[in-house]
Protein backbone atom coordinates (compact mmCIF):
# COMPACT_ATOMS: atom_id res chain seq x y z
CA UNK A 1 11.78 -20.47 4.59
CA UNK A 2 9.02 -19.05 6.79
CA UNK A 3 5.28 -19.60 7.04
CA UNK A 4 2.97 -16.85 5.80
CA UNK A 5 -0.67 -16.15 4.95
CA UNK A 6 -0.72 -15.65 1.17
CA UNK A 7 -3.54 -14.01 -0.80
CA UNK A 8 -3.20 -15.70 -4.22
CA UNK A 9 -5.78 -13.49 -5.96
CA UNK A 10 -8.43 -10.91 -5.10
CA UNK A 11 -11.44 -12.69 -3.67
CA UNK A 12 -9.57 -15.97 -3.16
CA UNK A 13 -9.19 -17.54 0.27
CA UNK A 14 -5.93 -17.03 2.14
CA UNK A 15 -3.46 -19.90 1.95
CA UNK A 16 -0.92 -20.75 4.63
CA UNK A 17 2.28 -21.45 2.72
CA UNK A 18 6.03 -21.47 3.08
CA UNK A 19 7.82 -18.58 1.41
CA UNK A 20 11.43 -17.81 0.59
CA UNK A 21 12.63 -14.48 1.95
CA UNK A 22 15.84 -12.99 0.56
CA UNK A 23 18.55 -11.60 2.79
CA UNK A 24 17.99 -7.88 3.42
CA UNK A 25 19.48 -5.72 0.70
CA UNK A 26 20.78 -2.15 1.02
CA UNK A 27 18.48 -0.12 3.26
CA UNK A 28 16.42 -3.17 4.25
CA UNK A 29 15.68 -4.86 7.57
CA UNK A 30 14.60 -8.43 8.33
CA UNK A 31 12.19 -8.74 11.25
CA UNK A 32 10.98 -11.79 13.16
CA UNK A 33 7.34 -11.06 14.01
CA UNK A 34 6.07 -11.39 17.56
CA UNK A 35 2.51 -10.34 16.78
CA UNK A 36 0.34 -8.93 14.00
CA UNK A 37 -3.12 -7.42 14.30
CA UNK A 38 -5.92 -8.40 11.92
CA UNK A 39 -7.30 -5.13 10.56
CA UNK A 40 -10.31 -4.40 8.39
CA UNK A 41 -7.92 -2.99 5.79
CA UNK A 42 -6.53 -6.51 5.29
CA UNK A 43 -10.07 -7.70 4.62
CA UNK A 44 -10.56 -4.78 2.21
CA UNK A 45 -7.45 -5.87 0.31
CA UNK A 46 -8.56 -9.47 0.16
CA UNK A 47 -12.00 -8.66 -1.25
CA UNK A 48 -10.87 -5.94 -3.66
CA UNK A 49 -12.28 -2.87 -1.89
CA UNK A 50 -8.68 -1.63 -1.83
CA UNK A 51 -6.47 -2.50 -4.77
CA UNK A 52 -2.82 -3.47 -4.47
CA UNK A 53 -0.73 -6.01 -6.42
CA UNK A 54 -1.30 -9.73 -5.79
CA UNK A 55 -0.30 -12.45 -5.02
CA UNK A 56 0.62 -10.87 -1.72
CA UNK A 57 1.28 -11.57 1.92
CA UNK A 58 -1.18 -9.42 3.86
CA UNK A 59 -0.83 -7.93 7.34
CA UNK A 60 0.31 -4.39 8.11
CA UNK A 61 0.03 -3.99 11.89
CA UNK A 62 2.96 -5.75 13.53
CA UNK A 63 5.87 -5.77 15.93
CA UNK A 64 8.89 -7.97 16.31
CA UNK A 65 12.67 -8.23 16.64
CA UNK A 66 15.30 -7.34 14.06
CA UNK A 67 17.27 -10.40 12.96
CA UNK A 68 19.41 -8.89 10.18
CA UNK A 69 20.04 -5.57 8.44
CA UNK A 70 21.29 -4.62 5.01
CA UNK A 71 24.05 -2.27 3.99
CA UNK A 72 23.51 1.34 5.03
CA UNK A 73 20.92 0.69 7.73
CA UNK A 74 21.62 2.95 10.70
CA UNK A 75 18.38 3.21 12.70
CA UNK A 76 18.31 -0.34 14.06
CA UNK A 77 20.56 -3.35 14.68
CA UNK A 78 19.94 -7.08 15.16
CA UNK A 79 18.17 -7.72 18.44
CA UNK A 80 16.26 -4.42 18.49
CA UNK A 81 12.53 -4.51 19.19
CA UNK A 82 10.54 -2.65 16.52
CA UNK A 83 7.04 -1.67 15.42
CA UNK A 84 6.16 -1.75 11.72
CA UNK A 85 5.01 1.42 9.95
CA UNK A 86 3.02 0.41 6.87
CA UNK A 87 2.81 3.94 5.39
CA UNK A 88 6.30 5.51 5.46
CA UNK A 89 6.38 9.02 4.08
CA UNK A 90 8.79 9.82 1.25
CA UNK A 91 9.40 13.37 2.50
CA UNK A 92 9.50 14.91 -0.96
CA UNK A 93 6.05 14.68 -2.60
CA UNK A 94 3.60 17.60 -2.49
CA UNK A 95 1.74 16.32 0.58
CA UNK A 96 4.96 15.72 2.47
CA UNK A 97 6.26 19.22 1.70
CA UNK A 98 3.00 20.55 3.18
CA UNK A 99 3.59 18.52 6.33
CA UNK A 100 0.66 16.19 5.57
CA UNK A 101 2.75 13.03 5.57
CA UNK A 102 -0.27 10.78 6.10
CA UNK A 103 -1.28 11.70 2.54
CA UNK A 104 2.14 10.87 1.04
CA UNK A 105 1.75 10.02 -2.63
CA UNK A 106 4.51 7.41 -2.44
CA UNK A 107 3.68 5.78 0.90
CA UNK A 108 2.51 2.51 -0.68
CA UNK A 109 5.05 2.33 -3.49
CA UNK A 110 6.79 -0.60 -1.80
CA UNK A 111 3.70 -2.77 -2.28
CA UNK A 112 4.34 -2.83 -6.03
CA UNK A 113 7.70 -4.59 -5.62
CA UNK A 114 8.31 -8.33 -5.40
CA UNK A 115 9.74 -9.02 -1.97
CA UNK A 116 9.63 -12.84 -1.67
CA UNK A 117 8.68 -16.04 -3.49
CA UNK A 118 6.42 -18.94 -2.77
CA UNK A 119 8.64 -21.86 -1.82
CA UNK A 120 6.63 -24.50 -3.68
CA UNK A 121 6.67 -22.94 -7.15
CA UNK A 122 8.65 -19.69 -7.05
CA UNK A 123 5.61 -17.45 -7.51
CA UNK A 124 6.44 -13.76 -7.05
CA UNK A 125 4.91 -12.29 -3.89
CA UNK A 126 4.21 -8.66 -3.03
CA UNK A 127 4.23 -7.20 0.49
CA UNK A 128 0.64 -6.24 1.24
CA UNK A 129 0.59 -2.63 2.48
CA UNK A 130 4.40 -2.66 2.38
CA UNK A 131 5.19 -4.82 5.40
CA UNK A 132 3.63 -8.31 4.94
CA UNK A 133 3.13 -8.89 8.66
CA UNK A 134 1.09 -12.10 8.33
CA UNK A 135 4.30 -14.11 8.33
CA UNK A 136 6.80 -15.46 10.82
CA UNK A 137 9.40 -13.07 9.35
CA UNK A 138 9.40 -10.24 6.86
CA UNK A 139 11.84 -7.97 5.03
CA UNK A 140 11.00 -4.25 4.89
CA UNK A 141 12.73 -0.99 4.08
CA UNK A 142 14.31 0.86 6.97
CA UNK A 143 11.66 3.58 6.60
CA UNK A 144 9.01 1.04 7.68
CA UNK A 145 10.68 0.58 11.06
CA UNK A 146 9.90 2.39 14.32
CA UNK A 147 11.72 1.63 17.59
CA UNK A 148 9.42 -0.23 19.97
CA UNK A 149 8.76 2.03 22.97
CA UNK A 150 10.07 1.08 26.39
CA UNK A 151 7.55 -0.12 28.94
CA UNK A 152 5.05 -1.46 26.41
CA UNK A 153 4.80 -5.26 25.91
CA UNK A 154 6.04 -6.00 22.40
CA UNK A 155 3.06 -8.21 21.55
CA UNK A 156 0.63 -5.41 22.33
CA UNK A 157 2.91 -2.79 20.76
CA UNK A 158 1.88 -4.24 17.39
CA UNK A 159 -1.42 -2.39 17.79
CA UNK A 160 0.40 0.93 17.84
CA UNK A 161 1.17 0.47 14.15
CA UNK A 162 -2.43 0.93 12.99
CA UNK A 163 -5.47 0.53 15.27
CA UNK A 164 -4.32 2.73 18.12
CA UNK A 165 -2.52 5.28 15.96
CA UNK A 166 -5.58 5.58 13.71
CA UNK A 167 -8.13 5.81 16.52
CA UNK A 168 -6.02 8.23 18.53
CA UNK A 169 -5.27 10.36 15.49
CA UNK A 170 -8.92 10.48 14.45
CA UNK A 171 -9.77 12.01 17.83
CA UNK A 172 -6.74 14.24 18.43
CA UNK A 173 -5.64 15.23 14.93
CA UNK A 174 -8.55 14.89 12.50
CA UNK A 175 -11.52 15.76 14.73
CA UNK A 176 -9.45 17.71 17.28
CA UNK A 177 -11.77 16.83 20.16
CA UNK A 178 -11.60 19.39 22.93
CA UNK A 179 -12.15 18.93 26.65
CA UNK A 180 -15.84 18.95 27.53
CA UNK A 181 -17.09 18.14 24.02
CA UNK A 182 -19.50 15.31 23.27
CA UNK A 183 -18.43 12.49 20.96
CA UNK A 184 -20.13 9.58 19.18
CA UNK A 185 -18.03 6.68 17.87
CA UNK A 186 -19.61 4.42 15.26
CA UNK A 187 -18.16 0.89 15.15
CA UNK A 188 -16.62 -0.77 18.20
CA UNK A 189 -13.81 -2.72 16.53
CA UNK A 190 -10.12 -2.24 17.17
CA UNK A 191 -10.01 1.32 15.79
CA UNK A 192 -13.32 2.23 17.43
CA UNK A 193 -12.11 1.01 20.81
CA UNK A 194 -8.95 3.08 20.41
CA UNK A 195 -11.08 6.10 19.47
CA UNK A 196 -13.25 5.63 22.57
CA UNK A 197 -10.19 5.50 24.81
CA UNK A 198 -8.71 8.52 23.06
CA UNK A 199 -11.91 10.54 23.47
CA UNK A 200 -11.72 9.80 27.18
CA UNK A 201 -8.07 10.94 27.21
CA UNK A 202 -9.13 14.14 25.42
CA UNK A 203 -11.59 14.89 28.23
CA UNK A 204 -14.84 14.40 26.31
CA UNK A 205 -17.81 14.91 28.64
CA UNK A 206 -20.09 12.35 26.99
CA UNK A 207 -18.96 9.49 24.76
CA UNK A 208 -21.62 7.50 22.89
CA UNK A 209 -20.60 4.18 21.33
CA UNK A 210 -22.74 2.80 18.49
CA UNK A 211 -22.53 -0.74 17.14
CA UNK A 212 -24.75 -3.42 15.59
CA UNK A 213 -23.82 -5.93 18.30
CA UNK A 214 -25.19 -5.69 21.83
CA UNK A 215 -22.37 -7.99 22.93
CA UNK A 216 -19.92 -5.09 22.53
CA UNK A 217 -21.50 -2.87 25.16
CA UNK A 218 -19.32 -4.04 28.04
CA UNK A 219 -16.17 -3.62 25.96
CA UNK A 220 -17.25 -0.17 24.78
CA UNK A 221 -17.97 1.04 28.30
CA UNK A 222 -14.62 -0.31 29.52
CA UNK A 223 -12.96 1.76 26.78
CA UNK A 224 -14.66 4.95 27.91
CA UNK A 225 -18.20 5.02 26.49
CA UNK A 226 -20.71 6.68 28.79
CA UNK A 227 -23.62 5.43 26.64
CA UNK A 228 -24.04 2.54 24.25
CA UNK A 229 -26.59 2.35 21.43
CA UNK A 230 -27.52 -0.48 19.07
CA UNK A 231 -27.31 0.89 15.53
CA UNK A 232 -30.74 1.45 13.98
CA UNK A 233 -32.70 3.88 11.84
CA UNK A 234 -33.36 5.96 14.97
CA UNK A 235 -29.73 6.25 16.14
CA UNK A 236 -29.31 9.91 15.19
CA UNK A 237 -32.54 10.80 16.94
CA UNK A 238 -31.48 8.90 20.05
CA UNK A 239 -28.16 10.75 20.14
CA UNK A 240 -29.90 14.09 19.83
CA UNK A 241 -32.10 13.02 22.72
CA UNK A 242 -29.02 12.38 24.82
CA UNK A 243 -27.57 15.80 24.03
CA UNK A 244 -30.42 18.22 24.67
CA UNK A 245 -31.74 17.81 21.11
CA UNK A 246 -28.49 19.30 19.77
CA UNK A 247 -26.43 16.34 18.60
CA UNK A 248 -22.83 15.57 19.49
CA UNK A 249 -19.97 17.94 18.80
CA UNK A 250 -18.01 15.20 17.03
CA UNK A 251 -19.01 11.94 15.32
CA UNK A 252 -16.28 9.48 14.34
CA UNK A 253 -17.27 6.83 11.82
CA UNK A 254 -15.12 3.68 11.93
CA UNK A 255 -17.25 1.44 9.69
CA UNK A 256 -17.00 2.70 6.11
CA UNK A 257 -20.64 2.31 5.08
CA UNK A 258 -22.67 4.99 3.35
CA UNK A 259 -25.60 4.54 5.74
CA UNK A 260 -23.35 4.83 8.80
CA UNK A 261 -21.59 7.91 7.45
CA UNK A 262 -24.97 9.51 6.81
CA UNK A 263 -26.16 8.64 10.34
CA UNK A 264 -22.95 10.01 11.86
CA UNK A 265 -23.51 13.27 9.98
CA UNK A 266 -27.12 13.44 11.12
CA UNK A 267 -26.13 12.88 14.75
CA UNK A 268 -23.78 15.88 14.97
CA UNK A 269 -24.95 19.28 16.15
CA UNK A 270 -25.21 22.32 13.94
CA UNK A 271 -21.59 23.32 13.29
CA UNK A 272 -20.32 19.94 14.47
CA UNK A 273 -17.64 17.74 12.91
CA UNK A 274 -18.01 14.31 11.32
CA UNK A 275 -14.77 12.38 10.75
CA UNK A 276 -14.80 9.29 8.53
CA UNK A 277 -12.15 6.71 9.38
CA UNK A 278 -13.78 3.58 7.89
CA UNK A 279 -12.78 2.51 4.38
CA UNK A 280 -15.83 1.98 2.19
CA UNK A 281 -16.17 0.73 -1.37
CA UNK A 282 -16.57 3.10 -4.29
CA UNK A 283 -20.12 1.80 -4.72
CA UNK A 284 -21.04 3.27 -1.31
CA UNK A 285 -22.62 6.58 -2.27
CA UNK A 286 -23.39 9.17 0.44
CA UNK A 287 -25.85 11.88 -0.58
CA UNK A 288 -26.60 15.35 0.82
CA UNK A 289 -28.82 18.12 -0.44
CA UNK A 290 -27.46 21.61 -0.96
CA UNK A 291 -29.78 23.24 1.55
CA UNK A 292 -28.80 20.99 4.48
CA UNK A 293 -25.10 21.60 3.86
CA UNK A 294 -25.75 25.33 4.20
CA UNK A 295 -28.20 25.05 7.09
CA UNK A 296 -26.29 22.67 9.36
CA UNK A 297 -22.83 24.17 8.82
CA UNK A 298 -21.26 20.85 9.66
CA UNK A 299 -17.80 19.70 8.61
CA UNK A 300 -17.37 16.28 6.98
CA UNK A 301 -13.78 15.09 6.65
CA UNK A 302 -11.84 11.98 5.84
CA UNK A 303 -9.08 10.62 8.03
CA UNK A 304 -6.12 8.65 6.69
CA UNK A 305 -3.99 6.73 9.18
CA UNK A 306 -5.24 9.04 11.92
CA UNK A 307 -3.70 12.05 10.13
CA UNK A 308 -0.70 10.97 12.18
CA UNK A 309 3.06 11.18 12.11
CA UNK A 310 4.11 7.79 13.52
CA UNK A 311 7.57 8.96 14.60
CA UNK A 312 5.99 11.79 16.59
CA UNK A 313 2.84 10.05 17.83
CA UNK A 314 3.99 6.55 18.82
CA UNK A 315 6.13 7.91 21.71
CA UNK A 316 3.10 9.96 22.86
CA UNK A 317 0.90 6.87 22.74
CA UNK A 318 3.50 4.90 24.66
CA UNK A 319 3.49 7.48 27.43
CA UNK A 320 -0.31 7.22 27.66
CA UNK A 321 0.08 3.44 27.93
CA UNK A 322 2.75 3.66 30.63
CA UNK A 323 0.63 6.12 32.62
CA UNK A 324 -2.44 3.88 32.36
CA UNK A 325 -4.50 6.24 30.21
CA UNK A 326 -4.54 3.83 27.25
CA UNK A 327 -5.04 0.08 27.66
CA UNK A 328 -3.76 -1.86 24.65
CA UNK A 329 -4.63 -5.25 26.08
CA UNK A 330 -8.34 -4.55 26.26
CA UNK A 331 -8.44 -3.96 22.49
CA UNK A 332 -7.43 -7.58 21.91
CA UNK A 333 -10.47 -9.83 22.06
CA UNK A 334 -8.84 -12.88 20.47
CA UNK A 335 -5.30 -14.26 20.14
CA UNK A 336 -4.93 -16.53 17.13
CA UNK A 337 -2.50 -18.29 14.79
CA UNK A 338 -1.91 -17.68 11.07
CA UNK A 339 -4.39 -20.37 10.11
CA UNK A 340 -7.14 -18.58 12.04
CA UNK A 341 -7.01 -15.33 10.03
CA UNK A 342 -9.86 -16.33 7.64
CA UNK A 343 -12.12 -16.92 10.65
CA UNK A 344 -11.09 -13.51 12.01
CA UNK A 345 -12.13 -11.99 8.66
CA UNK A 346 -15.52 -13.68 9.00
CA UNK A 347 -15.89 -12.27 12.51
CA UNK A 348 -15.19 -8.77 11.22
CA UNK A 349 -17.82 -9.16 8.52
CA UNK A 350 -20.27 -10.32 11.20
CA UNK A 351 -19.43 -7.35 13.44
CA UNK A 352 -17.95 -9.51 16.18
CA UNK A 353 -15.13 -8.76 18.59
CA UNK A 354 -12.51 -6.03 18.81
CA UNK A 355 -9.01 -6.80 17.52
CA UNK A 356 -7.80 -10.31 16.71
CA UNK A 357 -4.06 -10.58 17.27
CA UNK A 358 -1.90 -13.17 15.51
CA UNK A 359 0.86 -14.25 17.90
CA UNK A 360 3.97 -16.10 16.80
């Protein structure tokens, strides 16, 4: 038995409970977690913004050590350090055949399966976002495993599985920021901080961070922001004022609110790009008129998992970390235990902090 944070139903509080994990079956790997990041997507699952089967053990950003493998597993062996990949591509659906593996139609199919049981009453449990990282140990398919890169502390390597990969990918893959361009990043949480660092790596000439909390300014500037603005109704106008009345070349929205998406769009120059990373609810309606779409010539695009290929991009990220261009540690603003995850959810709702990291 292991301890885990269980979501018994949508909208219900998390419960710390003991669960029974089976031995890994064919193609499966059992991992002892070292750390797991608390991501806004976990909050979105708990409150029903995103829908996956429950009861479930949440957590999708993690790293740890392999303790056992099932028949047929060839990529890893017991004792190996690994990073969890919550969205493994199937390789055969339409998106995968186009090379757009971040849009794989079957990436979350594992979340529909029962992977463990509650020890007290035998209740079936699903692995939230495939990997169920809010637990001392988990059992995942081999496709959810990435080798942990050398030279990166395993605790911090957990962040490579979502926050850093998403923020980096939003800048380098989705928005394709070029050297000398100007960038605005909306939302200075874990993904936003990774996006700020990645914009600096890309050679952006001016990087504007926008957040509702003034307390995040120091953190944002440490990540690469050259300016920091408190979010308000005048944010777009302020950004145009900083950029010769033009607007930024690229705006990256890491919040998932209709009003923030609209402001990000308004703050980009004519012909600029707005990339939406934040996950909003279906009740969040963003409106545009037909004339402004023609006149401004801007591009508005979504971004799923940084439009990334984890097997390709994690080694690249690791090299940036080893060379000092990316700082994983500065993304972590709080180290907590399993029982502290609900408080971390509350902090996210209040717009506080960067990334809370559960350490085991």
